[in-house]
Protein backbone atom coordinates (compact mmCIF):
# COMPACT_ATOMS: atom_id res chain seq x y z
CA MET A 1 24.89 -6.33 -112.62
CA THR A 2 28.92 -8.03 -114.29
CA GLY A 3 29.83 -4.73 -112.97
CA THR A 4 28.64 -5.46 -109.68
CA ILE A 5 30.25 -8.62 -109.57
CA GLY A 6 33.45 -8.11 -110.95
CA LYS A 7 33.57 -4.87 -108.31
CA LEU A 8 33.02 -7.62 -105.37
CA LYS A 9 35.65 -10.24 -106.94
CA SER A 10 38.31 -7.23 -106.66
CA GLY A 11 37.45 -6.40 -103.00
CA ALA A 12 37.45 -10.42 -101.78
CA LEU A 13 40.99 -10.30 -103.96
CA LEU A 14 42.22 -7.83 -101.90
CA LEU A 15 41.18 -9.05 -98.51
CA LEU A 16 42.67 -12.64 -99.25
CA LEU A 17 45.92 -10.55 -100.24
CA MET A 18 45.92 -8.81 -97.29
CA VAL A 19 45.59 -12.27 -95.31
CA LEU A 20 48.04 -14.00 -97.80
CA VAL A 21 50.43 -11.17 -97.22
CA THR A 22 50.42 -11.83 -93.20
CA THR A 23 51.47 -15.29 -93.80
CA VAL A 24 53.95 -15.09 -96.40
CA HIS A 25 55.93 -12.67 -94.08
CA ALA A 26 55.29 -14.64 -90.56
CA GLY A 27 59.07 -16.49 -90.70
CA THR A 28 60.96 -12.78 -90.17
CA GLY A 29 60.49 -12.58 -87.28
CA PRO A 30 58.37 -13.95 -84.12
CA ASN A 31 54.71 -15.33 -84.73
CA LEU A 32 52.61 -12.70 -82.77
CA ALA A 33 49.23 -12.01 -81.49
CA SER A 34 49.13 -8.56 -81.48
CA VAL A 35 48.05 -7.25 -84.80
CA ASN A 36 50.45 -4.02 -84.69
CA ALA A 37 53.84 -4.13 -83.16
CA ALA A 38 57.66 -2.62 -82.40
CA VAL A 39 60.81 -4.45 -80.86
CA ALA A 40 63.49 -2.07 -79.87
CA ARG A 41 66.55 -1.45 -77.43
CA VAL A 42 66.00 1.21 -74.58
CA GLY A 43 67.65 3.90 -75.97
CA ASP A 44 67.39 3.65 -79.74
CA ASP A 45 64.23 4.72 -82.09
CA ASN A 46 65.45 2.12 -84.64
CA LEU A 47 63.31 -1.20 -84.41
CA VAL A 48 64.95 -4.69 -83.96
CA PHE A 49 61.52 -6.19 -85.50
CA GLY A 50 58.17 -4.39 -86.53
CA LYS A 51 55.15 -5.34 -87.57
CA ASN A 52 52.68 -2.89 -89.52
CA ALA A 53 54.66 -0.85 -87.39
CA ASP A 54 53.72 2.44 -89.26
CA ARG A 55 50.40 1.47 -88.59
CA GLN A 56 47.55 4.47 -87.02
CA VAL A 57 45.71 2.27 -84.88
CA PRO A 58 43.67 3.08 -81.15
CA ILE A 59 45.96 2.91 -78.08
CA ALA A 60 43.28 3.33 -75.56
CA SER A 61 44.88 3.70 -72.38
CA VAL A 62 48.49 3.46 -73.45
CA THR A 63 47.68 7.23 -73.77
CA LYS A 64 48.35 7.81 -69.92
CA LEU A 65 52.26 7.49 -70.87
CA MET A 66 51.99 10.68 -72.57
CA THR A 67 49.76 12.33 -70.05
CA ALA A 68 52.59 11.06 -66.69
CA LEU A 69 55.20 13.09 -69.23
CA VAL A 70 53.43 16.18 -69.67
CA VAL A 71 52.45 16.19 -66.15
CA LEU A 72 56.05 15.79 -65.09
CA GLU A 73 57.80 18.16 -67.33
CA SER A 74 55.34 21.05 -66.36
CA GLY A 75 57.07 21.52 -63.31
CA GLU A 76 53.74 21.56 -61.10
CA PRO A 77 54.38 20.25 -57.73
CA LEU A 78 53.97 16.57 -56.82
CA ASP A 79 53.09 16.70 -53.48
CA GLU A 80 50.05 19.34 -54.58
CA PRO A 81 46.71 17.48 -53.33
CA LEU A 82 44.78 17.42 -56.53
CA THR A 83 41.03 17.53 -56.32
CA PHE A 84 38.65 15.21 -58.04
CA HIS A 85 36.30 17.24 -59.98
CA GLU A 86 33.23 16.08 -61.52
CA ARG A 87 34.04 15.67 -65.72
CA HIS A 88 33.12 18.50 -67.43
CA THR A 89 32.06 16.44 -70.77
CA PRO A 90 31.30 12.94 -70.32
CA ALA A 91 33.71 10.00 -70.76
CA ALA A 92 33.87 8.76 -74.47
CA ASN A 93 33.26 5.11 -73.15
CA ASN A 94 32.46 3.42 -69.93
CA ALA A 95 34.58 5.95 -67.06
CA TYR A 96 33.73 3.56 -63.70
CA THR A 97 35.74 4.93 -61.31
CA ARG A 98 35.82 4.31 -57.03
CA ILE A 99 37.45 7.59 -56.42
CA ARG A 100 34.53 9.70 -54.76
CA VAL A 101 34.08 13.41 -56.40
CA ASP A 102 35.51 16.60 -54.52
CA SER A 103 37.91 14.41 -52.53
CA THR A 104 41.75 15.43 -52.93
CA LEU A 105 45.24 12.82 -53.57
CA PRO A 106 48.70 14.35 -53.69
CA ARG A 107 49.48 14.83 -57.60
CA SER A 108 52.19 12.18 -57.78
CA GLU A 109 49.50 9.71 -56.15
CA VAL A 110 47.27 10.43 -59.08
CA ILE A 111 50.32 9.91 -61.40
CA ARG A 112 50.79 6.46 -59.97
CA ILE A 113 47.86 4.90 -60.10
CA ALA A 114 46.51 6.57 -63.34
CA LEU A 115 49.62 4.43 -64.84
CA MET A 116 49.53 1.14 -62.73
CA SER A 117 45.59 0.70 -62.42
CA SER A 118 45.15 2.82 -65.61
CA GLU A 119 42.72 4.86 -63.50
CA ASN A 120 40.76 7.21 -66.03
CA PHE A 121 39.39 9.77 -62.91
CA ALA A 122 43.07 10.07 -62.31
CA ALA A 123 44.09 11.07 -65.68
CA TYR A 124 41.11 13.12 -66.27
CA THR A 125 42.12 14.78 -62.83
CA LEU A 126 46.25 15.51 -64.12
CA ALA A 127 44.38 17.49 -67.09
CA SER A 128 42.06 19.32 -65.36
CA ASN A 129 44.29 20.95 -62.88
CA HIS A 130 46.95 21.69 -65.52
CA PRO A 131 47.81 25.07 -65.98
CA GLY A 132 45.31 26.65 -68.35
CA GLY A 133 42.96 23.82 -67.77
CA TYR A 134 41.93 20.55 -69.40
CA ASP A 135 42.00 21.31 -73.26
CA VAL A 136 45.85 23.11 -73.12
CA PHE A 137 46.34 19.77 -71.54
CA VAL A 138 45.45 17.85 -74.30
CA GLN A 139 47.01 21.10 -76.75
CA ALA A 140 50.18 20.00 -74.39
CA MET A 141 50.04 16.04 -75.55
CA ASN A 142 50.09 16.66 -79.93
CA GLU A 143 52.72 19.22 -79.04
CA LYS A 144 54.89 16.82 -76.97
CA ALA A 145 54.13 14.20 -79.99
CA ARG A 146 55.51 16.11 -82.44
CA ALA A 147 58.72 16.98 -80.41
CA LEU A 148 59.45 13.69 -80.28
CA GLY A 149 59.14 13.35 -84.08
CA MET A 150 55.35 10.90 -83.34
CA SER A 151 54.09 11.64 -87.11
CA GLY A 152 51.17 9.16 -86.94
CA THR A 153 50.26 10.21 -83.27
CA ARG A 154 46.89 12.43 -81.97
CA PHE A 155 45.45 12.73 -78.81
CA VAL A 156 42.10 13.89 -78.18
CA ASP A 157 41.77 13.03 -74.16
CA PRO A 158 43.93 12.41 -71.87
CA THR A 159 42.62 8.41 -70.55
CA GLY A 160 42.44 6.99 -74.23
CA LEU A 161 38.57 6.42 -73.57
CA SER A 162 38.41 7.63 -76.73
CA ALA A 163 39.41 5.57 -79.88
CA LEU A 164 40.41 9.22 -81.45
CA ASN A 165 43.56 8.43 -79.71
CA VAL A 166 45.61 7.34 -81.90
CA SER A 167 49.01 6.24 -82.57
CA THR A 168 51.49 3.88 -84.20
CA ALA A 169 54.15 1.18 -82.44
CA SER A 170 57.19 2.80 -84.30
CA ASP A 171 55.92 6.35 -82.58
CA LEU A 172 55.30 4.44 -79.26
CA VAL A 173 59.19 3.19 -79.12
CA ARG A 174 59.90 7.33 -79.41
CA LEU A 175 57.14 7.89 -76.63
CA VAL A 176 58.79 5.41 -74.52
CA ASN A 177 62.41 6.71 -74.76
CA ALA A 178 61.14 9.93 -73.59
CA VAL A 179 59.42 8.86 -70.65
CA LEU A 180 62.41 6.40 -69.39
CA LYS A 181 64.50 9.74 -68.99
CA HIS A 182 61.30 10.30 -65.69
CA PRO A 183 62.71 7.87 -62.54
CA GLU A 184 58.77 8.68 -61.20
CA ILE A 185 57.46 7.55 -64.65
CA ARG A 186 59.76 3.85 -64.21
CA GLU A 187 57.94 3.58 -60.53
CA TYR A 188 54.83 4.36 -61.13
CA SER A 189 54.16 2.59 -63.76
CA THR A 190 55.19 -0.86 -62.33
CA THR A 191 54.37 -0.33 -58.82
CA GLY A 192 52.39 -3.97 -58.13
CA TYR A 193 49.78 -2.72 -55.41
CA TYR A 194 49.59 0.76 -53.55
CA ARG A 195 46.82 1.75 -50.76
CA ALA A 196 45.86 5.32 -51.48
CA HIS A 197 44.84 7.65 -48.97
CA PHE A 198 42.25 9.87 -49.77
CA ARG A 199 40.70 13.47 -48.00
CA ASN A 200 38.00 15.33 -48.19
CA PRO A 201 36.54 13.07 -47.12
CA ARG A 202 39.21 10.48 -45.31
CA TYR A 203 38.94 7.22 -47.53
CA SER A 204 41.72 4.66 -48.27
CA LEU A 205 41.43 2.72 -51.60
CA SER A 206 44.13 -0.35 -53.04
CA PHE A 207 45.05 -0.97 -56.58
CA GLY A 208 46.61 -3.17 -58.29
CA ASN A 209 49.28 -3.23 -61.03
CA THR A 210 47.07 -4.27 -64.63
CA ASN A 211 50.62 -5.93 -65.78
CA PRO A 212 51.16 -9.48 -64.38
CA LEU A 213 54.45 -9.58 -65.63
CA VAL A 214 55.32 -6.51 -62.69
CA HIS A 215 55.24 -8.91 -60.36
CA ARG A 216 58.06 -11.56 -62.18
CA ASP A 217 61.29 -10.46 -61.18
CA SER A 218 62.43 -12.56 -64.60
CA TRP A 219 61.28 -9.87 -66.45
CA GLY A 220 62.61 -7.12 -65.01
CA VAL A 221 60.46 -4.56 -66.16
CA GLU A 222 61.02 -1.23 -65.89
CA LEU A 223 58.45 0.54 -67.70
CA SER A 224 54.95 -0.61 -68.23
CA LYS A 225 51.14 0.27 -69.24
CA THR A 226 48.63 -1.30 -70.56
CA GLY A 227 45.27 -0.27 -72.56
CA TYR A 228 42.32 -2.07 -73.79
CA LEU A 229 39.07 -0.56 -76.14
CA SER A 230 37.03 -2.37 -78.23
CA GLU A 231 38.96 -0.61 -81.32
CA ALA A 232 42.11 -0.98 -79.48
CA GLY A 233 42.43 -4.83 -78.84
CA ARG A 234 44.35 -5.50 -75.90
CA CYS A 235 48.12 -3.45 -75.76
CA LEU A 236 51.00 -3.99 -73.80
CA VAL A 237 54.02 -1.07 -73.91
CA MET A 238 56.86 -2.33 -71.73
CA VAL A 239 60.30 -2.06 -71.02
CA SER A 240 61.93 -5.49 -69.86
CA ASP A 241 65.42 -7.67 -69.71
CA MET A 242 65.20 -9.67 -72.38
CA ASN A 243 68.62 -11.49 -73.87
CA GLY A 244 70.32 -9.75 -71.37
CA GLU A 245 69.37 -6.31 -72.93
CA LYS A 246 67.03 -3.42 -71.76
CA ILE A 247 64.24 -3.88 -74.45
CA VAL A 248 61.10 -1.62 -75.39
CA THR A 249 57.72 -3.94 -76.73
CA VAL A 250 55.04 -2.55 -77.96
CA LEU A 251 52.19 -4.92 -78.74
CA LEU A 252 48.62 -3.31 -79.90
CA ASP A 253 45.28 -4.74 -80.91
CA SER A 254 45.27 -8.25 -79.83
CA LEU A 255 42.64 -10.73 -78.96
CA GLY A 256 42.65 -12.02 -75.56
CA THR A 257 43.93 -10.40 -72.29
CA ARG A 258 46.59 -13.36 -71.98
CA SER A 259 48.21 -12.77 -75.44
CA PRO A 260 50.20 -9.69 -75.32
CA LEU A 261 51.88 -11.66 -72.46
CA GLY A 262 52.29 -14.44 -74.77
CA ASP A 263 53.61 -12.38 -77.31
CA SER A 264 56.31 -10.80 -74.66
CA GLY A 265 57.21 -14.35 -73.87
CA ARG A 266 57.65 -15.32 -77.87
CA ILE A 267 59.59 -12.12 -78.60
CA LYS A 268 61.94 -12.71 -75.68
CA ARG A 269 62.25 -16.87 -76.71
CA TRP A 270 63.10 -15.20 -80.18
CA LEU A 271 65.43 -12.79 -79.39
CA ASP A 272 67.13 -15.22 -77.54
CA THR A 273 67.23 -18.62 -79.68
CA GLY A 274 65.49 -17.10 -83.07
CA GLU A 275 62.80 -19.18 -82.52
CA PRO A 276 59.50 -17.71 -83.86
CA GLY A 277 57.21 -19.58 -81.71
CA SER A 278 53.54 -20.46 -82.63
CA VAL A 279 49.92 -18.59 -82.48
CA ALA A 280 46.93 -20.26 -81.25
CA LYS A 281 44.15 -20.37 -84.55
CA ALA A 282 41.60 -17.96 -83.06
CA ALA A 283 43.80 -15.10 -82.79
CA ARG A 284 45.22 -15.92 -86.02
CA ARG A 285 42.19 -15.82 -87.08
CA TYR A 286 41.02 -12.47 -85.75
CA GLU A 287 44.59 -11.08 -87.42
CA GLN A 288 43.22 -11.63 -90.50
CA GLU A 289 39.97 -10.11 -89.68
CA LYS A 290 41.19 -7.14 -88.39
CA ASN A 291 43.51 -6.62 -91.23
CA ALA A 292 41.57 -7.18 -93.89
CA ALA A 293 39.25 -4.46 -92.10
CA TYR A 294 42.41 -2.13 -92.26
CA ALA A 295 42.47 -2.71 -95.83
CA VAL A 296 39.08 -2.05 -96.28
CA ALA A 297 39.54 1.21 -94.08
CA GLY A 298 42.43 2.10 -96.37
CA ASN A 299 44.73 1.98 -93.51
CA ALA A 300 48.93 0.93 -94.04
CA PRO A 301 49.35 -2.86 -95.38
CA SER A 302 50.34 -5.71 -93.56
CA THR A 303 54.54 -5.47 -92.96
CA VAL A 304 56.63 -7.20 -91.21
CA ASN A 305 60.30 -5.94 -90.82
């Protein structure tokens, strides 16, 4: 009995230390609601600021940045009509779509709605129309990650619906710098609104961007991708104007839909004034709970640099 109590006390002490580490380091950079984050200048993989930046976590639909990169680097024609076939395997999570099975849309427009509106059926269709098929496409995603030095990254599907798609905030900075070389990805991911015209049968659907900041000229957003799964929290990867520079912002695992937007503002102010800002108690409590869960799971410890 005594041994059991001792183990429980040790476990409680470990969780307490995880909370304290987060608190102690809070003053070394901006205070963020996101549990994991990275900030870097465009073109530089070295971080200006990192928070658990090397912790491997689910990234949800941020996955679609790699999906778009593999499609564009395959050299397949962007004007080729792609058919939305029924999925060959069930989606890992809810994959509601308004797109009708067997309808068609040019590859360029399929990429656009996959990025700007995070359309999961679109991302699946890009992979299933890849030379060699779906499995070869996912293999290409992992090969590209290795080529970019993304050592903490692994993909099992092209949509991000699987929580087994994992990466780190620092790895995603590398991915962003790679996709920025493709003007199509910059354009498609920051499209505010788009009306896609499908064939077989003929119908149209309107799509909106999942990142409200693309509509604000003051942010100068040049690349954007959001993501959400219950396992991943709210995620945002973005390139925008901050303090006169193009800045890569990676925000992973936030509590609420607006938390990544608030974090973006806090990072922008911190770069401009050095002020760290403040975070709501609920978000801080969520961060402490997630850090404790990561500690129990044996994931990377809390670090801010």
